[in-house]
Amino acid sequence: MAHFTQAVALGLLIGGVYALMASGLTLIFGVMRIINVAQGAFLVLVAMVTWWLWNRTGIDPIVASVVTTPMMFGFGWLAYRLLVSRIRGASPSMSVLLTFGLALVIEGVLNLTAGNKFKSAAPSYFEESFMAGSISLPKAQVFGFLAAVAVLAVLYVVLNRTWTGRAIRAATQNPSGAALVGVGAAGTAALAFAIGSATAGVGGSILSVLYPFFPASHYEWISRLLGIVVLGGLGSLPGAVVGAIVLGLAETLTATYGSLGWSTLVFYLVIMAVLLVRPQGLFGARLREDAA
């Protein structure tokens, strides 16, 4: 029982971090119907910048997100204005090709500037843990989880309690109606893409502590994020949270009672089982074929 409780606790901590990482991807799809496969590269880019700041200045990697988050907001806004806006309204395959090309550019730049070697930030508390009875909670996972929850809470408030958030949700649910009441589609889309990219500012900083990474790690991360948002339902933030928790639990429970190498397979088996029953995902809305 103790092993089960320990695995569940760690799974929830990891799931919270995954939820933050997937939130930007699902937000961008929800507003623009664009699958940003460069989101994994954004995470690795931020992880590399965080590692560099930690290595050169000693700044705590998670605290470094106060620098990387506005950096990624600006990067996302520019990426939308210069690149993504040009294929808005085109077929979804165009957005996949464009953002995949952007991911390859980021990977190439990181290979040239940082080298093709694994890196990981290791702050002073990296090997320390909090004890809750017999449960050991690694401090790095706890701090990463708390940062992820804080950002997700801010994202929830922005989307549900501010005019900007209402404009984004209106553009998601009824673009034509939103335009009639003065919500500019282009400006809203640029803002949504920037916010979605900014979530990688915190997610990538947390990644730099919890996982070794190198420039090509983005392939692994985008596959995880896509799995999360497909399971939860494309465009659904609550679905992304649930999908992330499922992935976190799949990893820790499989590692506890089997082998960590099987954890990803178990997660995708869960996705297959869910999609056989609900093709739109857990929280996704079913679309009429004539409206797709």
Protein backbone atom coordinates (compact mmCIF):
# COMPACT_ATOMS: atom_id res chain seq x y z
CA MET A 1 0.00 0.00 0.00
CA ALA A 2 2.86 2.37 0.83
CA HIS A 3 4.37 1.82 -2.62
CA PHE A 4 1.01 2.55 -4.25
CA THR A 5 0.52 5.78 -2.27
CA GLN A 6 4.07 6.88 -3.09
CA ALA A 7 3.53 6.20 -6.80
CA VAL A 8 0.21 8.07 -6.87
CA ALA A 9 1.72 11.09 -5.07
CA LEU A 10 4.62 11.28 -7.52
CA GLY A 11 2.24 10.74 -10.45
CA LEU A 12 0.12 13.70 -9.39
CA LEU A 13 3.19 15.92 -9.02
CA ILE A 14 4.47 14.97 -12.46
CA GLY A 15 0.97 15.22 -13.95
CA GLY A 16 0.65 18.80 -12.76
CA VAL A 17 3.84 19.73 -14.61
CA TYR A 18 2.66 17.93 -17.75
CA ALA A 19 -0.65 19.81 -17.54
CA LEU A 20 1.18 23.12 -17.67
CA MET A 21 3.30 21.98 -20.62
CA ALA A 22 0.21 20.83 -22.55
CA SER A 23 -1.92 23.90 -21.72
CA GLY A 24 -0.22 26.10 -24.31
CA LEU A 25 -0.65 23.54 -27.07
CA THR A 26 -4.35 23.02 -26.37
CA LEU A 27 -5.01 26.77 -25.97
CA ILE A 28 -3.49 27.52 -29.37
CA PHE A 29 -5.50 24.76 -31.01
CA GLY A 30 -8.69 25.83 -29.25
CA VAL A 31 -8.46 29.40 -30.54
CA MET A 32 -6.91 28.95 -33.97
CA ARG A 33 -7.27 25.25 -34.84
CA ILE A 34 -3.50 25.26 -35.32
CA ILE A 35 -1.50 22.27 -34.11
CA ASN A 36 1.71 23.85 -32.89
CA VAL A 37 4.17 20.97 -33.11
CA ALA A 38 6.93 23.44 -32.24
CA GLN A 39 5.68 23.57 -28.63
CA GLY A 40 8.10 20.80 -27.67
CA ALA A 41 10.97 22.77 -29.21
CA PHE A 42 9.82 25.85 -27.25
CA LEU A 43 10.15 23.81 -24.04
CA VAL A 44 13.65 22.63 -24.93
CA LEU A 45 14.69 26.15 -25.97
CA VAL A 46 13.59 27.49 -22.59
CA ALA A 47 15.26 24.59 -20.78
CA MET A 48 18.53 25.45 -22.55
CA VAL A 49 18.25 29.15 -21.68
CA THR A 50 17.41 28.24 -18.07
CA TRP A 51 20.38 25.89 -17.85
CA TRP A 52 22.64 28.63 -19.22
CA LEU A 53 21.36 31.16 -16.66
CA TRP A 54 21.76 28.67 -13.82
CA ASN A 55 25.24 27.64 -14.97
CA ARG A 56 26.47 31.22 -15.40
CA THR A 57 24.71 33.07 -12.58
CA GLY A 58 23.53 30.40 -10.13
CA ILE A 59 19.93 31.64 -10.35
CA ASP A 60 17.39 29.01 -9.33
CA PRO A 61 16.06 27.36 -12.51
CA ILE A 62 12.40 27.67 -11.53
CA VAL A 63 12.85 31.29 -10.44
CA ALA A 64 14.43 31.90 -13.86
CA SER A 65 10.92 31.53 -15.32
CA VAL A 66 10.34 35.21 -14.45
CA VAL A 67 12.80 35.86 -17.29
CA THR A 68 11.89 33.05 -19.68
CA THR A 69 8.11 33.57 -19.54
CA PRO A 70 8.05 37.14 -20.95
CA MET A 71 10.80 36.06 -23.35
CA MET A 72 8.57 33.31 -24.74
CA PHE A 73 5.53 35.60 -24.82
CA GLY A 74 7.44 37.96 -27.09
CA PHE A 75 8.87 35.09 -29.12
CA GLY A 76 5.39 33.62 -29.61
CA TRP A 77 3.92 36.96 -30.64
CA LEU A 78 6.67 37.48 -33.23
CA ALA A 79 6.38 33.90 -34.48
CA TYR A 80 2.67 34.41 -35.05
CA ARG A 81 3.01 37.78 -36.77
CA LEU A 82 5.91 36.76 -39.01
CA LEU A 83 5.05 33.14 -39.75
CA VAL A 84 1.82 31.62 -38.47
CA SER A 85 -0.46 34.47 -39.57
CA ARG A 86 0.48 33.74 -43.18
CA ILE A 87 -1.17 30.30 -43.11
CA ARG A 88 -4.16 31.20 -40.93
CA GLY A 89 -7.26 29.76 -42.54
CA ALA A 90 -5.30 27.21 -44.55
CA SER A 91 -5.63 23.46 -44.04
CA PRO A 92 -4.40 22.03 -40.71
CA SER A 93 -1.59 20.24 -42.52
CA MET A 94 -0.05 23.61 -43.38
CA SER A 95 0.19 24.57 -39.70
CA VAL A 96 1.80 21.21 -38.90
CA LEU A 97 4.40 21.67 -41.65
CA LEU A 98 5.14 25.28 -40.73
CA THR A 99 5.52 24.70 -36.99
CA PHE A 100 7.52 21.53 -37.57
CA GLY A 101 9.87 23.59 -39.72
CA LEU A 102 10.14 26.12 -36.89
CA ALA A 103 10.96 23.28 -34.48
CA LEU A 104 13.74 22.07 -36.79
CA VAL A 105 15.18 25.60 -36.97
CA ILE A 106 15.23 25.84 -33.17
CA GLU A 107 16.86 22.41 -32.93
CA GLY A 108 19.51 23.41 -35.46
CA VAL A 109 20.30 26.68 -33.68
CA LEU A 110 20.61 24.89 -30.33
CA ASN A 111 22.89 22.27 -31.85
CA LEU A 112 25.20 25.01 -33.16
CA THR A 113 25.19 27.14 -30.00
CA ALA A 114 24.91 24.60 -27.18
CA GLY A 115 26.12 21.33 -28.68
CA ASN A 116 24.39 18.00 -29.02
CA LYS A 117 24.90 16.85 -25.42
CA PHE A 118 22.53 16.13 -22.57
CA LYS A 119 22.20 18.88 -19.99
CA SER A 120 20.30 19.25 -16.73
CA ALA A 121 20.16 21.94 -14.08
CA ALA A 122 20.81 20.65 -10.56
CA PRO A 123 19.96 23.25 -7.88
CA SER A 124 21.01 22.66 -4.27
CA TYR A 125 17.72 20.97 -3.35
CA PHE A 126 17.81 18.57 -6.31
CA GLU A 127 18.45 15.46 -4.21
CA GLU A 128 16.43 16.58 -1.16
CA SER A 129 12.88 15.50 -0.27
CA PHE A 130 9.99 16.46 1.94
CA MET A 131 8.58 13.68 4.12
CA ALA A 132 4.81 13.30 4.61
CA GLY A 133 4.60 10.33 6.90
CA SER A 134 6.12 7.46 4.96
CA ILE A 135 5.78 9.29 1.61
CA SER A 136 8.89 10.92 0.16
CA LEU A 137 8.22 13.95 -2.04
CA PRO A 138 11.29 15.17 -3.95
CA LYS A 139 11.66 18.92 -3.53
CA ALA A 140 12.32 19.48 -7.23
CA GLN A 141 9.01 17.83 -8.18
CA VAL A 142 7.14 19.68 -5.43
CA PHE A 143 8.50 23.09 -6.43
CA GLY A 144 7.84 22.34 -10.10
CA PHE A 145 4.29 21.24 -9.30
CA LEU A 146 3.59 24.38 -7.24
CA ALA A 147 4.92 26.60 -10.04
CA ALA A 148 2.77 24.73 -12.58
CA VAL A 149 -0.36 25.05 -10.43
CA ALA A 150 0.28 28.78 -9.93
CA VAL A 151 0.60 29.37 -13.70
CA LEU A 152 -2.47 27.24 -14.47
CA ALA A 153 -4.44 29.23 -11.87
CA VAL A 154 -3.35 32.52 -13.46
CA LEU A 155 -4.25 31.16 -16.89
CA TYR A 156 -7.69 30.16 -15.59
CA VAL A 157 -8.28 33.63 -14.12
CA VAL A 158 -7.12 35.34 -17.33
CA LEU A 159 -9.39 33.19 -19.52
CA ASN A 160 -12.46 33.38 -17.27
CA ARG A 161 -12.27 36.67 -15.37
CA THR A 162 -10.81 39.22 -17.79
CA TRP A 163 -12.00 40.89 -20.98
CA THR A 164 -8.98 39.47 -22.80
CA GLY A 165 -9.90 35.97 -21.71
CA ARG A 166 -13.53 36.44 -22.71
CA ALA A 167 -12.39 37.66 -26.13
CA ILE A 168 -10.20 34.58 -26.55
CA ARG A 169 -13.02 32.25 -25.51
CA ALA A 170 -15.47 34.07 -27.76
CA ALA A 171 -13.10 33.69 -30.71
CA THR A 172 -12.84 30.00 -29.85
CA GLN A 173 -16.56 29.31 -29.60
CA ASN A 174 -17.99 31.64 -32.26
CA PRO A 175 -15.46 33.54 -34.41
CA SER A 176 -18.15 35.22 -36.54
CA GLY A 177 -20.15 36.39 -33.53
CA ALA A 178 -16.99 37.64 -31.82
CA ALA A 179 -16.12 39.71 -34.87
CA LEU A 180 -19.57 41.31 -34.80
CA VAL A 181 -18.99 42.67 -31.29
CA GLY A 182 -15.56 44.06 -32.12
CA VAL A 183 -13.23 41.19 -31.17
CA GLY A 184 -10.50 41.25 -33.81
CA ALA A 185 -9.67 37.75 -34.95
CA ALA A 186 -6.07 38.52 -35.91
CA GLY A 187 -5.20 40.32 -32.68
CA THR A 188 -6.90 37.67 -30.56
CA ALA A 189 -5.09 34.89 -32.38
CA ALA A 190 -1.71 36.60 -31.93
CA LEU A 191 -2.40 37.06 -28.21
CA ALA A 192 -3.51 33.45 -27.78
CA PHE A 193 -0.42 32.16 -29.58
CA ALA A 194 1.78 34.39 -27.41
CA ILE A 195 0.11 33.20 -24.19
CA GLY A 196 0.35 29.58 -25.29
CA SER A 197 4.04 30.07 -26.03
CA ALA A 198 4.57 31.84 -22.69
CA THR A 199 3.44 28.73 -20.79
CA ALA A 200 6.59 27.09 -22.16
CA GLY A 201 8.55 29.73 -20.27
CA VAL A 202 7.67 28.09 -16.96
CA GLY A 203 7.31 24.56 -18.34
CA GLY A 204 10.75 24.61 -19.91
CA SER A 205 12.37 25.96 -16.74
CA ILE A 206 10.82 23.12 -14.75
CA LEU A 207 11.87 20.63 -17.43
CA SER A 208 15.51 21.73 -17.06
CA VAL A 209 15.48 20.49 -13.46
CA LEU A 210 13.37 17.34 -13.70
CA TYR A 211 14.64 15.81 -16.97
CA PRO A 212 17.93 15.66 -18.87
CA PHE A 213 17.53 17.27 -22.29
CA PHE A 214 19.37 18.01 -25.51
CA PRO A 215 18.27 19.79 -28.72
CA ALA A 216 16.49 16.77 -30.25
CA SER A 217 14.50 16.12 -27.04
CA HIS A 218 11.63 18.10 -28.54
CA TYR A 219 10.49 15.03 -30.52
CA GLU A 220 9.87 13.15 -27.28
CA TRP A 221 8.09 16.08 -25.66
CA ILE A 222 5.76 16.94 -28.52
CA SER A 223 4.69 13.29 -28.70
CA ARG A 224 3.81 13.40 -25.01
CA LEU A 225 1.96 16.69 -25.32
CA LEU A 226 -0.01 15.57 -28.35
CA GLY A 227 -0.96 12.39 -26.52
CA ILE A 228 -2.20 14.43 -23.56
CA VAL A 229 -4.35 16.82 -25.60
CA VAL A 230 -5.77 14.03 -27.78
CA LEU A 231 -6.75 12.04 -24.70
CA GLY A 232 -8.33 15.06 -23.01
CA GLY A 233 -9.94 16.45 -26.16
CA LEU A 234 -8.33 18.88 -28.58
CA GLY A 235 -8.86 22.45 -27.42
CA SER A 236 -10.02 21.55 -23.88
CA LEU A 237 -7.92 22.89 -21.00
CA PRO A 238 -9.69 20.69 -18.39
CA GLY A 239 -9.08 17.77 -20.73
CA ALA A 240 -5.37 18.61 -20.91
CA VAL A 241 -5.19 18.57 -17.10
CA VAL A 242 -6.90 15.18 -16.89
CA GLY A 243 -4.79 13.75 -19.72
CA ALA A 244 -1.63 15.00 -18.01
CA ILE A 245 -2.57 13.37 -14.72
CA VAL A 246 -3.27 10.09 -16.53
CA LEU A 247 0.20 10.24 -18.10
CA GLY A 248 1.84 11.05 -14.77
CA LEU A 249 0.09 8.18 -13.03
CA ALA A 250 0.82 5.80 -15.92
CA GLU A 251 4.52 6.59 -15.64
CA THR A 252 4.85 6.21 -11.88
CA LEU A 253 2.55 3.20 -11.44
CA THR A 254 4.19 1.35 -14.33
CA ALA A 255 7.65 2.16 -12.97
CA THR A 256 6.59 0.95 -9.50
CA TYR A 257 4.95 -2.31 -10.53
CA GLY A 258 6.72 -2.98 -13.81
CA SER A 259 9.35 -1.10 -15.78
CA LEU A 260 9.69 2.60 -16.55
CA GLY A 261 10.39 1.66 -20.17
CA TRP A 262 6.78 0.45 -20.50
CA SER A 263 5.16 3.60 -19.09
CA THR A 264 4.79 5.41 -22.41
CA LEU A 265 3.28 2.29 -24.02
CA VAL A 266 0.74 2.02 -21.19
CA PHE A 267 -0.24 5.66 -21.67
CA TYR A 268 -0.85 5.24 -25.40
CA LEU A 269 -2.81 2.05 -24.77
CA VAL A 270 -5.05 4.12 -22.48
CA ILE A 271 -5.47 6.70 -25.27
CA MET A 272 -6.46 3.99 -27.73
CA ALA A 273 -8.99 2.53 -25.30
CA VAL A 274 -10.56 5.94 -24.58
CA LEU A 275 -10.72 6.97 -28.24
CA LEU A 276 -12.48 3.73 -29.15
CA VAL A 277 -15.30 4.81 -26.81
CA ARG A 278 -15.03 8.61 -27.21
CA PRO A 279 -13.31 9.54 -30.50
CA GLN A 280 -13.42 13.22 -29.51
CA GLY A 281 -11.48 12.58 -26.28
CA LEU A 282 -12.62 12.85 -22.67
CA PHE A 283 -13.67 16.52 -22.79
CA GLY A 284 -13.75 17.20 -26.53
CA ALA A 285 -16.92 18.21 -28.35
CA ARG A 286 -18.20 16.02 -31.15
CA LEU A 287 -18.46 17.95 -34.43
CA ARG A 288 -21.05 17.32 -37.14
CA GLU A 289 -19.39 16.09 -40.30
CA ASP A 290 -21.00 18.88 -42.33
CA ALA A 291 -19.59 21.48 -39.93
CA ALA A 292 -16.03 20.22 -39.81
